[in-house]
C-alpha atoms as a PDB file:
ATOM      1  CA  MET A   1      25.459 163.526 194.760  1.00  0.00           C
ATOM      2  CA  GLY A   2      26.460 160.133 193.249  1.00  0.00           C
ATOM      3  CA  THR A   3      23.552 160.333 190.805  1.00  0.00           C
ATOM      4  CA  GLY A   4      24.672 163.762 189.674  1.00  0.00           C
ATOM      5  CA  ARG A   5      28.180 162.566 188.920  1.00  0.00           C
ATOM      6  CA  ILE A   6      26.863 159.636 186.867  1.00  0.00           C
ATOM      7  CA  SER A   7      24.657 161.984 184.842  1.00  0.00           C
ATOM      8  CA  ILE A   8      27.743 164.036 183.965  1.00  0.00           C
ATOM      9  CA  ILE A   9      30.176 161.169 183.265  1.00  0.00           C
ATOM     10  CA  LEU A  10      27.808 159.035 181.144  1.00  0.00           C
ATOM     11  CA  PRO A  11      27.452 161.562 178.271  1.00  0.00           C
ATOM     12  CA  LEU A  12      31.247 162.006 178.258  1.00  0.00           C
ATOM     13  CA  LEU A  13      31.788 158.247 177.880  1.00  0.00           C
ATOM     14  CA  ILE A  14      29.267 158.089 175.027  1.00  0.00           C
ATOM     15  CA  ALA A  15      30.993 160.983 173.266  1.00  0.00           C
ATOM     16  CA  LEU A  16      34.417 159.346 173.620  1.00  0.00           C
ATOM     17  CA  CYS A  17      33.207 155.952 172.393  1.00  0.00           C
ATOM     18  CA  SER A  18      31.250 157.282 169.407  1.00  0.00           C
ATOM     19  CA  PRO A  19      34.324 157.912 167.152  1.00  0.00           C
ATOM     20  CA  ALA A  20      35.627 154.403 167.866  1.00  0.00           C
ATOM     21  CA  LEU A  21      32.276 152.900 166.991  1.00  0.00           C
ATOM     22  CA  ALA A  22      32.119 154.986 163.833  1.00  0.00           C
ATOM     23  CA  ALA A  23      35.646 153.924 162.889  1.00  0.00           C
ATOM     24  CA  ASP A  24      34.621 150.258 163.132  1.00  0.00           C
ATOM     25  CA  ARG A  25      31.538 150.731 160.970  1.00  0.00           C
ATOM     26  CA  VAL A  26      31.625 148.631 157.787  1.00  0.00           C
ATOM     27  CA  GLU A  27      32.081 150.705 154.631  1.00  0.00           C
ATOM     28  CA  VAL A  28      32.078 149.785 150.947  1.00  0.00           C
ATOM     29  CA  GLU A  29      33.454 151.790 148.080  1.00  0.00           C
ATOM     30  CA  ALA A  30      33.990 151.372 144.334  1.00  0.00           C
ATOM     31  CA  ALA A  31      36.489 152.874 141.911  1.00  0.00           C
ATOM     32  CA  VAL A  32      37.451 152.385 138.253  1.00  0.00           C
ATOM     33  CA  ASP A  33      40.914 152.408 136.724  1.00  0.00           C
ATOM     34  CA  ARG A  34      39.698 154.843 134.075  1.00  0.00           C
ATOM     35  CA  ASP A  35      36.563 156.931 133.542  1.00  0.00           C
ATOM     36  CA  ASP A  36      37.227 157.677 129.854  1.00  0.00           C
ATOM     37  CA  VAL A  37      37.689 154.785 127.367  1.00  0.00           C
ATOM     38  CA  VAL A  38      37.314 154.084 123.654  1.00  0.00           C
ATOM     39  CA  ILE A  39      34.569 151.807 122.392  1.00  0.00           C
ATOM     40  CA  GLY A  40      35.482 148.148 122.887  1.00  0.00           C
ATOM     41  CA  GLY A  41      37.817 149.040 125.767  1.00  0.00           C
ATOM     42  CA  ARG A  42      38.028 147.395 129.183  1.00  0.00           C
ATOM     43  CA  VAL A  43      37.218 148.979 132.551  1.00  0.00           C
ATOM     44  CA  ARG A  44      38.456 147.515 135.853  1.00  0.00           C
ATOM     45  CA  LEU A  45      36.005 148.065 138.715  1.00  0.00           C
ATOM     46  CA  GLU A  46      37.533 147.720 142.205  1.00  0.00           C
ATOM     47  CA  VAL A  47      35.002 147.062 145.006  1.00  0.00           C
ATOM     48  CA  THR A  48      36.390 147.268 148.553  1.00  0.00           C
ATOM     49  CA  ALA A  49      34.854 146.552 151.986  1.00  0.00           C
ATOM     50  CA  ARG A  50      36.582 148.106 155.020  1.00  0.00           C
ATOM     51  CA  ASN A  51      36.419 147.390 158.766  1.00  0.00           C
ATOM     52  CA  VAL A  52      35.422 143.750 158.191  1.00  0.00           C
ATOM     53  CA  ARG A  53      38.091 142.062 160.294  1.00  0.00           C
ATOM     54  CA  GLY A  54      36.709 138.829 161.765  1.00  0.00           C
ATOM     55  CA  MET A  55      33.523 139.073 159.653  1.00  0.00           C
ATOM     56  CA  ASP A  56      32.163 136.940 156.833  1.00  0.00           C
ATOM     57  CA  VAL A  57      32.110 139.016 153.618  1.00  0.00           C
ATOM     58  CA  SER A  58      30.442 137.996 150.347  1.00  0.00           C
ATOM     59  CA  PHE A  59      31.020 139.675 146.977  1.00  0.00           C
ATOM     60  CA  PRO A  60      29.028 138.592 143.896  1.00  0.00           C
ATOM     61  CA  GLU A  61      31.074 136.687 141.330  1.00  0.00           C
ATOM     62  CA  ARG A  62      29.136 138.677 138.742  1.00  0.00           C
ATOM     63  CA  PRO A  63      27.204 141.874 139.631  1.00  0.00           C
ATOM     64  CA  GLU A  64      23.434 141.604 139.314  1.00  0.00           C
ATOM     65  CA  ARG A  65      23.217 144.819 137.309  1.00  0.00           C
ATOM     66  CA  LEU A  66      25.718 146.010 134.735  1.00  0.00           C
ATOM     67  CA  GLY A  67      23.737 148.600 132.774  1.00  0.00           C
ATOM     68  CA  ASP A  68      25.186 148.886 129.264  1.00  0.00           C
ATOM     69  CA  PHE A  69      28.405 147.140 130.275  1.00  0.00           C
ATOM     70  CA  SER A  70      29.255 143.488 129.526  1.00  0.00           C
ATOM     71  CA  PHE A  71      30.864 141.166 132.066  1.00  0.00           C
ATOM     72  CA  ILE A  72      34.362 139.928 131.152  1.00  0.00           C
ATOM     73  CA  GLY A  73      35.618 138.363 134.404  1.00  0.00           C
ATOM     74  CA  SER A  74      36.327 138.840 138.129  1.00  0.00           C
ATOM     75  CA  ARG A  75      38.889 137.929 140.753  1.00  0.00           C
ATOM     76  CA  ALA A  76      39.158 138.315 144.529  1.00  0.00           C
ATOM     77  CA  ALA A  77      41.594 140.768 146.098  1.00  0.00           C
ATOM     78  CA  LYS A  78      44.867 139.483 147.548  1.00  0.00           C
ATOM     79  CA  SER A  79      44.385 137.503 150.738  1.00  0.00           C
ATOM     80  CA  GLY A  80      46.866 139.760 152.546  1.00  0.00           C
ATOM     81  CA  TRP A  81      44.256 142.527 152.655  1.00  0.00           C
ATOM     82  CA  ILE A  82      41.908 140.459 154.843  1.00  0.00           C
ATOM     83  CA  GLY A  83      44.293 140.598 157.824  1.00  0.00           C
ATOM     84  CA  ARG A  84      44.079 144.392 157.807  1.00  0.00           C
ATOM     85  CA  GLY A  85      40.309 144.396 157.995  1.00  0.00           C
ATOM     86  CA  THR A  86      39.830 144.925 154.260  1.00  0.00           C
ATOM     87  CA  ALA A  87      38.402 142.670 151.540  1.00  0.00           C
ATOM     88  CA  GLY A  88      37.850 143.331 147.875  1.00  0.00           C
ATOM     89  CA  MET A  89      36.882 142.099 144.418  1.00  0.00           C
ATOM     90  CA  THR A  90      37.989 143.237 140.953  1.00  0.00           C
ATOM     91  CA  TYR A  91      35.567 143.114 138.016  1.00  0.00           C
ATOM     92  CA  VAL A  92      36.583 143.503 134.355  1.00  0.00           C
ATOM     93  CA  LEU A  93      33.846 145.053 132.214  1.00  0.00           C
ATOM     94  CA  GLY A  94      33.536 145.783 128.496  1.00  0.00           C
ATOM     95  CA  ILE A  95      31.579 148.518 126.738  1.00  0.00           C
ATOM     96  CA  TYR A  96      30.597 148.656 123.053  1.00  0.00           C
ATOM     97  CA  THR A  97      28.420 151.773 122.735  1.00  0.00           C
ATOM     98  CA  THR A  98      29.575 155.375 122.803  1.00  0.00           C
ATOM     99  CA  GLY A  99      28.350 158.080 125.178  1.00  0.00           C
ATOM    100  CA  THR A 100      28.262 158.433 128.957  1.00  0.00           C
ATOM    101  CA  HIS A 101      27.286 155.193 130.724  1.00  0.00           C
ATOM    102  CA  VAL A 102      26.792 154.447 134.404  1.00  0.00           C
ATOM    103  CA  ILE A 103      28.112 151.387 136.244  1.00  0.00           C
ATOM    104  CA  PRO A 104      25.248 150.479 138.649  1.00  0.00           C
ATOM    105  CA  PRO A 105      25.868 149.940 142.398  1.00  0.00           C
ATOM    106  CA  VAL A 106      27.305 146.565 143.483  1.00  0.00           C
ATOM    107  CA  LYS A 107      25.817 144.812 146.540  1.00  0.00           C
ATOM    108  CA  VAL A 108      28.211 143.539 149.227  1.00  0.00           C
ATOM    109  CA  ARG A 109      26.975 141.294 152.089  1.00  0.00           C
ATOM    110  CA  TYR A 110      28.630 140.875 155.489  1.00  0.00           C
ATOM    111  CA  LYS A 111      27.930 139.504 158.983  1.00  0.00           C
ATOM    112  CA  PRO A 112      29.786 138.615 162.170  1.00  0.00           C
ATOM    113  CA  PRO A 113      30.465 134.859 162.533  1.00  0.00           C
ATOM    114  CA  ASP A 114      27.898 134.505 165.337  1.00  0.00           C
ATOM    115  CA  ALA A 115      25.142 136.425 163.514  1.00  0.00           C
ATOM    116  CA  ALA A 116      22.310 134.614 161.760  1.00  0.00           C
ATOM    117  CA  ASP A 117      21.385 137.257 159.160  1.00  0.00           C
ATOM    118  CA  TRP A 118      23.456 139.041 156.537  1.00  0.00           C
ATOM    119  CA  SER A 119      23.639 142.809 156.198  1.00  0.00           C
ATOM    120  CA  THR A 120      23.931 144.431 152.777  1.00  0.00           C
ATOM    121  CA  LEU A 121      25.632 147.617 151.571  1.00  0.00           C
ATOM    122  CA  GLU A 122      25.753 149.065 148.049  1.00  0.00           C
ATOM    123  CA  THR A 123      28.572 150.950 146.340  1.00  0.00           C
ATOM    124  CA  ARG A 124      27.993 154.232 144.560  1.00  0.00           C
ATOM    125  CA  GLN A 125      27.242 154.265 140.845  1.00  0.00           C
ATOM    126  CA  ILE A 126      30.131 155.401 138.627  1.00  0.00           C
ATOM    127  CA  PRO A 127      29.841 157.284 135.291  1.00  0.00           C
ATOM    128  CA  VAL A 128      32.196 156.325 132.442  1.00  0.00           C
ATOM    129  CA  ASN A 129      32.606 158.208 129.154  1.00  0.00           C
ATOM    130  CA  VAL A 130      32.985 156.004 126.041  1.00  0.00           C
ATOM    131  CA  ARG A 131      34.538 157.510 122.924  1.00  0.00           C
ATOM    132  CA  SER A 132      34.432 156.302 119.303  1.00  0.00           C
ATOM    133  CA  LEU A 133      37.506 154.844 117.624  1.00  0.00           C
ATOM    134  CA  LEU A 134      36.910 157.240 114.728  1.00  0.00           C
ATOM    135  CA  THR A 135      38.032 160.866 114.614  1.00  0.00           C
ATOM    136  CA  ASP A 136      35.535 163.529 113.582  1.00  0.00           C
ATOM    137  CA  ALA A 137      36.970 163.559 110.052  1.00  0.00           C
ATOM    138  CA  GLU A 138      36.701 159.782 109.732  1.00  0.00           C
ATOM    139  CA  ALA A 139      33.141 159.873 111.039  1.00  0.00           C
ATOM    140  CA  ASP A 140      32.207 162.423 108.347  1.00  0.00           C
ATOM    141  CA  ILE A 141      33.676 160.208 105.636  1.00  0.00           C
ATOM    142  CA  ARG A 142      31.945 157.120 107.024  1.00  0.00           C
ATOM    143  CA  ASP A 143      28.561 158.830 106.630  1.00  0.00           C
ATOM    144  CA  ILE A 144      29.024 158.772 102.829  1.00  0.00           C
ATOM    145  CA  LYS A 145      27.962 155.211 102.143  1.00  0.00           C
ATOM    146  CA  GLY A 146      28.895 154.509  98.543  1.00  0.00           C
ATOM    147  CA  LEU A 147      27.187 151.118  98.435  1.00  0.00           C
ATOM    148  CA  ALA A 148      23.853 152.538  99.651  1.00  0.00           C
ATOM    149  CA  GLY A 149      23.079 153.892  96.176  1.00  0.00           C
ATOM    150  CA  PHE A 150      23.464 150.551  94.406  1.00  0.00           C
ATOM    151  CA  ARG A 151      20.297 148.988  93.176  1.00  0.00           C
ATOM    152  CA  ARG A 152      19.515 145.393  94.066  1.00  0.00           C
ATOM    153  CA  ARG A 153      20.357 144.154  90.591  1.00  0.00           C
ATOM    154  CA  GLY A 154      23.755 145.836  90.678  1.00  0.00           C
ATOM    155  CA  LEU A 155      24.549 144.253  94.040  1.00  0.00           C
ATOM    156  CA  LEU A 156      23.474 140.840  92.759  1.00  0.00           C
ATOM    157  CA  ILE A 157      25.797 141.140  89.753  1.00  0.00           C
ATOM    158  CA  PHE A 158      28.652 142.328  91.959  1.00  0.00           C
ATOM    159  CA  PHE A 159      28.366 139.457  94.439  1.00  0.00           C
ATOM    160  CA  THR A 160      27.895 136.936  91.600  1.00  0.00           C
ATOM    161  CA  VAL A 161      31.095 138.055  89.895  1.00  0.00           C
ATOM    162  CA  MET A 162      33.001 138.081  93.181  1.00  0.00           C
ATOM    163  CA  SER A 163      31.713 134.596  94.037  1.00  0.00           C
ATOM    164  CA  LEU A 164      32.905 133.292  90.656  1.00  0.00           C
ATOM    165  CA  ILE A 165      36.341 134.825  91.229  1.00  0.00           C
ATOM    166  CA  PHE A 166      36.568 133.346  94.707  1.00  0.00           C
ATOM    167  CA  ALA A 167      35.401 129.948  93.454  1.00  0.00           C
ATOM    168  CA  ALA A 168      38.046 130.000  90.706  1.00  0.00           C
ATOM    169  CA  ALA A 169      40.729 130.932  93.240  1.00  0.00           C
ATOM    170  CA  LEU A 170      39.601 128.142  95.548  1.00  0.00           C
ATOM    171  CA  ALA A 171      39.596 125.633  92.700  1.00  0.00           C
ATOM    172  CA  GLY A 172      43.117 126.694  91.726  1.00  0.00           C
ATOM    173  CA  TRP A 173      44.294 126.366  95.292  1.00  0.00           C
ATOM    174  CA  ALA A 174      42.680 122.901  95.591  1.00  0.00           C
ATOM    175  CA  LEU A 175      44.402 121.804  92.356  1.00  0.00           C
ATOM    176  CA  TRP A 176      47.730 123.076  93.672  1.00  0.00           C
ATOM    177  CA  ARG A 177      47.219 121.156  96.913  1.00  0.00           C
ATOM    178  CA  ARG A 178      46.397 117.966  95.042  1.00  0.00           C
ATOM    179  CA  LYS A 179      49.500 118.262  92.859  1.00  0.00           C
ATOM    180  CA  ARG A 180      51.600 118.992  95.933  1.00  0.00           C
ATOM    181  CA  LYS A 181      50.359 115.809  97.620  1.00  0.00           C
ATOM    182  CA  SER A 182      51.529 113.773  94.627  1.00  0.00           C
ATOM    183  CA  PHE A 183      55.187 114.539  95.512  1.00  0.00           C
ATOM    184  CA  PRO A 184      57.022 112.429  98.122  1.00  0.00           C
ATOM    185  CA  ALA A 185      56.356 113.563 101.676  1.00  0.00           C
ATOM    186  CA  GLU A 186      60.080 114.100 102.281  1.00  0.00           C
ATOM    187  CA  ALA A 187      60.300 116.587  99.405  1.00  0.00           C
ATOM    188  CA  ALA A 188      57.082 118.427 100.196  1.00  0.00           C
ATOM    189  CA  GLY A 189      57.669 119.088 103.902  1.00  0.00           C
ATOM    190  CA  PRO A 190      55.130 120.793 106.173  1.00  0.00           C
ATOM    191  CA  VAL A 191      52.730 123.317 104.662  1.00  0.00           C
ATOM    192  CA  PRO A 192      53.728 126.868 105.709  1.00  0.00           C
ATOM    193  CA  ALA A 193      51.299 128.610 108.034  1.00  0.00           C
ATOM    194  CA  HIS A 194      50.610 131.447 105.603  1.00  0.00           C
ATOM    195  CA  VAL A 195      49.696 129.034 102.771  1.00  0.00           C
ATOM    196  CA  THR A 196      47.081 127.387 104.982  1.00  0.00           C
ATOM    197  CA  ALA A 197      45.794 130.807 106.069  1.00  0.00           C
ATOM    198  CA  TYR A 198      45.478 132.014 102.455  1.00  0.00           C
ATOM    199  CA  GLY A 199      43.504 128.915 101.533  1.00  0.00           C
ATOM    200  CA  GLU A 200      41.161 129.302 104.499  1.00  0.00           C
ATOM    201  CA  LEU A 201      40.656 133.012 103.785  1.00  0.00           C
ATOM    202  CA  SER A 202      39.862 132.242 100.139  1.00  0.00           C
ATOM    203  CA  GLY A 203      37.401 129.552 101.196  1.00  0.00           C
ATOM    204  CA  LEU A 204      35.705 131.936 103.630  1.00  0.00           C
ATOM    205  CA  LYS A 205      35.291 134.522 100.888  1.00  0.00           C
ATOM    206  CA  SER A 206      33.676 132.003  98.535  1.00  0.00           C
ATOM    207  CA  MET A 207      31.055 131.142 101.193  1.00  0.00           C
ATOM    208  CA  ASP A 208      29.726 134.740 101.104  1.00  0.00           C
ATOM    209  CA  LEU A 209      28.368 134.532 104.662  1.00  0.00           C
ATOM    210  CA  PRO A 210      27.651 138.316 104.933  1.00  0.00           C
ATOM    211  CA  GLY A 211      25.548 138.083 101.787  1.00  0.00           C
ATOM    212  CA  GLN A 212      23.478 135.396 103.548  1.00  0.00           C
ATOM    213  CA  GLY A 213      23.006 137.548 106.640  1.00  0.00           C
ATOM    214  CA  LYS A 214      25.459 135.454 108.693  1.00  0.00           C
ATOM    215  CA  VAL A 215      27.727 138.343 109.711  1.00  0.00           C
ATOM    216  CA  LYS A 216      28.503 137.051 113.221  1.00  0.00           C
ATOM    217  CA  GLU A 217      29.442 133.579 111.908  1.00  0.00           C
ATOM    218  CA  TYR A 218      31.655 135.266 109.296  1.00  0.00           C
ATOM    219  CA  TYR A 219      33.586 137.205 111.979  1.00  0.00           C
ATOM    220  CA  ILE A 220      33.929 134.122 114.192  1.00  0.00           C
ATOM    221  CA  ARG A 221      35.509 132.142 111.337  1.00  0.00           C
ATOM    222  CA  LEU A 222      37.675 135.080 110.249  1.00  0.00           C
ATOM    223  CA  SER A 223      39.129 135.581 113.751  1.00  0.00           C
ATOM    224  CA  GLU A 224      39.686 131.796 114.114  1.00  0.00           C
ATOM    225  CA  ILE A 225      41.691 131.730 110.874  1.00  0.00           C
ATOM    226  CA  VAL A 226      43.978 134.505 112.149  1.00  0.00           C
ATOM    227  CA  ARG A 227      44.339 132.926 115.609  1.00  0.00           C
ATOM    228  CA  HIS A 228      45.261 129.491 114.150  1.00  0.00           C
ATOM    229  CA  TYR A 229      47.722 131.152 111.781  1.00  0.00           C
ATOM    230  CA  ILE A 230      49.400 132.870 114.758  1.00  0.00           C
ATOM    231  CA  GLU A 231      49.545 129.582 116.668  1.00  0.00           C
ATOM    232  CA  SER A 232      51.153 127.782 113.713  1.00  0.00           C
ATOM    233  CA  ARG A 233      53.479 130.644 112.738  1.00  0.00           C
ATOM    234  CA  PHE A 234      54.717 131.781 116.176  1.00  0.00           C
ATOM    235  CA  SER A 235      53.727 128.865 118.476  1.00  0.00           C
ATOM    236  CA  TYR A 236      51.495 131.169 120.567  1.00  0.00           C
ATOM    237  CA  ARG A 237      48.477 129.435 122.102  1.00  0.00           C
ATOM    238  CA  ALA A 238      46.190 132.043 120.546  1.00  0.00           C
ATOM    239  CA  PRO A 239      42.992 129.904 120.200  1.00  0.00           C
ATOM    240  CA  GLU A 240      43.058 129.058 123.936  1.00  0.00           C
ATOM    241  CA  MET A 241      43.285 132.667 125.214  1.00  0.00           C
ATOM    242  CA  THR A 242      40.696 135.409 125.550  1.00  0.00           C
ATOM    243  CA  THR A 243      41.299 138.449 123.379  1.00  0.00           C
ATOM    244  CA  GLU A 244      42.483 140.494 126.363  1.00  0.00           C
ATOM    245  CA  GLU A 245      44.879 137.767 127.552  1.00  0.00           C
ATOM    246  CA  PHE A 246      46.262 137.237 124.074  1.00  0.00           C
ATOM    247  CA  LEU A 247      46.823 140.946 123.350  1.00  0.00           C
ATOM    248  CA  ASN A 248      48.601 141.369 126.702  1.00  0.00           C
ATOM    249  CA  TYR A 249      50.830 138.390 125.843  1.00  0.00           C
ATOM    250  CA  VAL A 250      51.560 139.651 122.321  1.00  0.00           C
ATOM    251  CA  ASN A 251      52.417 143.095 123.679  1.00  0.00           C
ATOM    252  CA  GLN A 252      55.409 141.503 125.472  1.00  0.00           C
ATOM    253  CA  ALA A 253      56.510 139.391 122.475  1.00  0.00           C
ATOM    254  CA  ARG A 254      59.599 140.444 120.569  1.00  0.00           C
ATOM    255  CA  GLU A 255      58.800 138.477 117.409  1.00  0.00           C
ATOM    256  CA  LEU A 256      56.284 141.088 116.224  1.00  0.00           C
ATOM    257  CA  LYS A 257      56.868 144.684 115.228  1.00  0.00           C
ATOM    258  CA  ARG A 258      54.873 147.448 116.887  1.00  0.00           C
ATOM    259  CA  GLU A 259      52.831 148.075 113.716  1.00  0.00           C
ATOM    260  CA  HIS A 260      51.918 144.374 113.569  1.00  0.00           C
ATOM    261  CA  LYS A 261      50.779 144.431 117.192  1.00  0.00           C
ATOM    262  CA  ASP A 262      48.644 147.535 116.545  1.00  0.00           C
ATOM    263  CA  LEU A 263      47.135 145.956 113.419  1.00  0.00           C
ATOM    264  CA  LEU A 264      46.299 142.771 115.353  1.00  0.00           C
ATOM    265  CA  ARG A 265      44.751 144.737 118.243  1.00  0.00           C
ATOM    266  CA  LYS A 266      42.527 146.719 115.851  1.00  0.00           C
ATOM    267  CA  PHE A 267      41.435 143.529 114.042  1.00  0.00           C
ATOM    268  CA  LEU A 268      40.602 141.440 117.134  1.00  0.00           C
ATOM    269  CA  THR A 269      38.840 144.331 118.905  1.00  0.00           C
ATOM    270  CA  HIS A 270      36.573 144.879 115.899  1.00  0.00           C
ATOM    271  CA  CYS A 271      35.838 141.124 115.701  1.00  0.00           C
ATOM    272  CA  ASP A 272      34.859 141.080 119.407  1.00  0.00           C
ATOM    273  CA  MET A 273      32.506 144.032 118.890  1.00  0.00           C
ATOM    274  CA  VAL A 274      30.607 142.018 116.255  1.00  0.00           C
ATOM    275  CA  LYS A 275      30.744 138.648 118.083  1.00  0.00           C
ATOM    276  CA  PHE A 276      29.888 139.768 121.617  1.00  0.00           C
ATOM    277  CA  ALA A 277      28.299 143.233 121.416  1.00  0.00           C
ATOM    278  CA  LYS A 278      25.956 142.597 118.473  1.00  0.00           C
ATOM    279  CA  TYR A 279      27.605 145.458 116.586  1.00  0.00           C
ATOM    280  CA  GLY A 280      26.340 145.629 112.997  1.00  0.00           C
ATOM    281  CA  PRO A 281      29.280 146.432 110.680  1.00  0.00           C
ATOM    282  CA  THR A 282      28.810 148.131 107.307  1.00  0.00           C
ATOM    283  CA  SER A 283      29.802 146.481 104.022  1.00  0.00           C
ATOM    284  CA  LEU A 284      32.969 148.572 103.947  1.00  0.00           C
ATOM    285  CA  GLU A 285      33.860 147.532 107.508  1.00  0.00           C
ATOM    286  CA  ILE A 286      33.434 143.868 106.565  1.00  0.00           C
ATOM    287  CA  LEU A 287      35.816 144.331 103.634  1.00  0.00           C
ATOM    288  CA  ASP A 288      38.234 146.282 105.858  1.00  0.00           C
ATOM    289  CA  SER A 289      38.284 143.447 108.437  1.00  0.00           C
ATOM    290  CA  PHE A 290      39.127 140.899 105.759  1.00  0.00           C
ATOM    291  CA  GLY A 291      41.838 143.225 104.447  1.00  0.00           C
ATOM    292  CA  LEU A 292      43.348 143.534 107.946  1.00  0.00           C
ATOM    293  CA  ALA A 293      43.529 139.730 108.225  1.00  0.00           C
ATOM    294  CA  GLU A 294      45.224 139.432 104.810  1.00  0.00           C
ATOM    295  CA  ASP A 295      47.645 142.279 105.613  1.00  0.00           C
ATOM    296  CA  PHE A 296      48.663 140.646 108.894  1.00  0.00           C
ATOM    297  CA  VAL A 297      49.430 137.329 107.142  1.00  0.00           C
ATOM    298  CA  ASP A 298      51.250 139.112 104.293  1.00  0.00           C
ATOM    299  CA  GLN A 299      53.454 141.107 106.658  1.00  0.00           C
ATOM    300  CA  THR A 300      54.328 138.281 109.076  1.00  0.00           C
ATOM    301  CA  LYS A 301      54.575 135.201 106.829  1.00  0.00           C
ATOM    302  CA  LEU A 302      57.769 133.131 106.791  1.00  0.00           C
ATOM    303  CA  ASP A 303      59.809 133.503 103.596  1.00  0.00           C
ATOM    304  CA  ARG A 304      61.378 130.104 102.887  1.00  0.00           C
ATOM    305  CA  GLU A 305      63.872 131.553 100.419  1.00  0.00           C
ATOM    306  CA  ASP A 306      65.253 133.893 103.073  1.00  0.00           C
ATOM    307  CA  PRO A 307      64.192 132.676 106.538  1.00  0.00           C
ATOM    308  CA  HIS A 308      66.336 135.264 108.299  1.00  0.00           C
ATOM    309  CA  ARG A 309      64.245 138.029 106.823  1.00  0.00           C
ATOM    310  CA  ALA A 310      61.074 136.768 108.515  1.00  0.00           C
ATOM    311  CA  GLU A 311      62.712 135.588 111.728  1.00  0.00           C
ATOM    312  CA  GLY A 312      64.921 138.632 112.251  1.00  0.00           C
ATOM    313  CA  PRO A 313      64.964 140.862 115.360  1.00  0.00           C
ATOM    314  CA  TRP A 314      61.417 142.261 115.220  1.00  0.00           C
END
């Protein structure tokens, strides 16, 4: 009789305990802040482990596999989550090719404090759609490459003439600098930020780095000129920030108009695509990038004759 009762009660106890055991089972999940971005955009990947109260949990500082995505940075979730049996890690990823791309699974390790071996779980893979910055109409126009029809001799003449012009401009600027130094220091005063930027831009042009196949070095120097100009003009620590950090900071600044912020975002994003994603710009894109840098300096330079015009309520 006693044996019969045990045979009935035991299955009931197992059935009642099973949901509790299932509820305490460790689970990992992943989610992105957006599944549709433009090329050069940032994607935040949130990886979360649940039911890990009292356990040791290990997230990779950098995922082993990223597919077509590039690693920007990572940070642990707020410590307050741990007390509720949850731990997490946030990864910031970049993407520089269009199409549908998949973020591979991320491995998360865990174990109880008294266990000798680690257990591993993987998150699901997540698809992300990456769109071009160009509209369909712009893409059609971009396909008509006017420079492609030039013969080698024509290109050589063009770059020779441009180099002579740039060299003459640089020589004129150097002569102006030398004459300026001949005046007393009290009368001359500090060199305005835009004057220095113009000189550095002119010098960069005369080097003709793209013509030598040094496109990446050209973009690095071009972005440095703009960043140092911003530091000198507005006292922002632009050279010490990542592009994402700097654009977030500038977005809150009241010294710049909205169109200047948009121009700066477009310029720095394109520079990052060339520097970090091995994007090969066309000749027209190279000229456009230089034009964006000049436009930004032109539109934000300090006018000494009327300082209130440049320092007004932007």
